[in-house]
Protein backbone atom coordinates (compact mmCIF):
# COMPACT_ATOMS: atom_id res chain seq x y z
CA PHE A 1 -11.93 20.41 -10.35
CA GLN A 2 -14.25 19.89 -13.29
CA GLY A 3 -12.20 20.03 -16.48
CA HIS A 4 -8.93 19.63 -14.58
CA SER A 5 -8.25 15.88 -14.54
CA SER A 6 -4.59 16.30 -13.57
CA ARG A 7 -5.53 18.35 -10.51
CA LEU A 8 -8.17 15.79 -9.56
CA ALA A 9 -5.60 12.98 -9.91
CA ALA A 10 -3.15 14.94 -7.73
CA LEU A 11 -5.84 15.41 -5.09
CA ASP A 12 -6.70 11.71 -5.24
CA TYR A 13 -3.02 10.78 -4.86
CA THR A 14 -2.53 13.14 -1.90
CA VAL A 15 -5.61 11.89 -0.05
CA CYS A 16 -4.60 8.25 -0.62
CA LEU A 17 -0.99 8.96 0.42
CA HIS A 18 -1.98 10.45 3.76
CA SER A 19 -4.89 8.16 4.57
CA GLN A 20 -4.64 5.68 7.44
CA VAL A 21 -5.49 2.78 5.12
CA PHE A 22 -5.23 2.49 1.34
CA VAL A 23 -7.13 -0.22 -0.53
CA THR A 24 -5.90 -0.74 -4.05
CA THR A 25 -8.36 -2.27 -6.49
CA GLN A 26 -6.52 -1.80 -9.75
CA GLY A 27 -3.17 -2.43 -11.34
CA GLY A 28 -1.01 0.06 -13.15
CA ASN A 29 1.40 2.81 -12.21
CA PHE A 30 -0.83 4.83 -9.87
CA PRO A 31 -1.16 2.18 -7.13
CA HIS A 32 2.45 1.01 -7.57
CA PHE A 33 3.82 4.51 -7.07
CA LEU A 34 1.38 5.15 -4.24
CA VAL A 35 2.18 1.93 -2.37
CA GLY A 36 5.89 2.63 -2.72
CA HIS A 37 5.51 6.24 -1.64
CA ARG A 38 3.47 5.17 1.40
CA ARG A 39 6.10 2.56 2.34
CA TYR A 40 8.87 5.14 2.02
CA THR A 41 6.98 7.90 3.87
CA TYR A 42 5.93 5.68 6.76
CA GLY A 43 9.15 3.65 7.03
CA GLY A 44 7.55 0.51 5.62
CA HIS A 45 4.60 0.63 8.01
CA ALA A 46 1.76 2.01 5.90
CA ARG A 47 -1.49 0.05 6.07
CA THR A 48 -2.13 -0.91 2.46
CA ILE A 49 -4.63 -3.57 1.48
CA LYS A 50 -4.36 -5.38 -1.82
CA PRO A 51 -7.33 -7.75 -1.86
CA ASP A 52 -7.28 -10.88 -3.97
CA LYS A 53 -9.70 -9.63 -6.60
CA ARG A 54 -10.69 -13.08 -7.87
CA LYS A 55 -11.58 -14.27 -4.38
CA LEU A 56 -13.33 -11.01 -3.61
CA VAL A 57 -15.51 -11.31 -6.73
CA GLN A 58 -16.42 -14.87 -5.76
CA LEU A 59 -17.48 -13.64 -2.32
CA PHE A 60 -19.60 -10.87 -3.83
CA ASP A 61 -21.16 -13.27 -6.34
CA ASP A 62 -22.28 -15.69 -3.61
CA THR A 63 -25.65 -14.20 -2.68
CA ASN A 64 -26.27 -16.93 -0.08
CA ILE A 65 -23.08 -16.34 1.94
CA ARG A 66 -23.57 -15.71 5.63
CA TRP A 67 -22.11 -12.54 7.14
CA GLN A 68 -19.84 -14.51 9.49
CA ASP A 69 -18.41 -16.53 6.58
CA PHE A 70 -17.88 -13.35 4.55
CA LYS A 71 -15.98 -11.72 7.46
CA LYS A 72 -13.87 -14.86 7.95
CA HIS A 73 -12.85 -14.91 4.28
CA LEU A 74 -12.00 -11.20 4.35
CA ARG A 75 -9.91 -11.60 7.50
CA ASP A 76 -8.01 -14.48 5.88
CA MET A 77 -7.29 -12.29 2.85
CA LEU A 78 -6.15 -9.41 5.09
CA ARG A 79 -3.92 -11.72 7.13
CA ARG A 80 -2.16 -12.90 3.95
CA ASN A 81 -1.98 -9.27 2.81
CA ASP A 82 -0.34 -8.23 6.10
CA LEU A 83 2.39 -10.79 5.52
CA LYS A 84 3.04 -9.31 2.09
CA GLY A 85 3.24 -5.80 3.55
CA VAL A 86 6.53 -6.51 5.32
CA GLU A 87 8.23 -8.35 2.49
CA LEU A 88 11.45 -6.93 1.12
CA ARG A 89 12.05 -6.21 -2.52
CA LYS A 90 13.17 -9.26 -4.42
CA PRO A 91 15.75 -9.01 -7.19
CA GLY A 92 13.87 -7.96 -10.28
CA GLY A 93 10.91 -6.76 -8.18
CA SER A 94 9.22 -3.43 -8.63
CA LEU A 95 11.35 -0.54 -7.44
CA TYR A 96 8.20 1.56 -7.36
CA MET A 97 6.41 -0.72 -4.88
CA HIS A 98 9.56 -1.21 -2.78
CA PRO A 99 11.53 2.05 -3.11
CA MET A 100 13.81 1.54 -0.11
CA PRO A 101 16.96 -0.53 -0.15
CA ASP A 102 16.42 -3.60 1.99
CA CYS A 103 18.76 -2.27 4.66
CA MET A 104 17.33 1.27 4.81
CA CYS A 105 14.82 0.42 7.52
CA ASN A 106 17.66 -0.83 9.73
CA ALA A 107 19.86 2.23 9.24
CA LYS A 108 20.23 4.53 12.23
CA LYS A 109 19.32 8.14 11.68
CA SER A 110 22.36 10.34 11.90
CA THR A 111 22.18 13.34 14.16
CA PRO A 112 23.51 16.55 12.70
CA THR A 113 26.67 17.76 14.31
CA PRO A 114 26.86 21.43 15.24
CA SER A 115 29.11 23.37 12.93
CA SER A 116 32.23 24.89 14.44
CA GLU A 117 32.45 28.34 13.02
């Protein structure tokens, strides 16, 4: 893929889309589209982690932190993140991060009727 940045970006997107867990560490269009695509593809149940970067940096900067404390802080961040994962799109919210209408997840799938020919 050397010299083909678009192909590399497409590969990156595909791997992230189909991964069991996606951890976003940056802002911008790529993670917004990806999070929305994952929500749409997996019916709103895609494991996506958006860590609080400021808190994460503070944890990494504390060289004296004990492993148990570090794990506790990370679990707290993930718990808050899990709550955000099921939120519905608010008016004026990003359509890219929440591509489904709020009622789409409650809609029953229609079964195709056999054609009478």
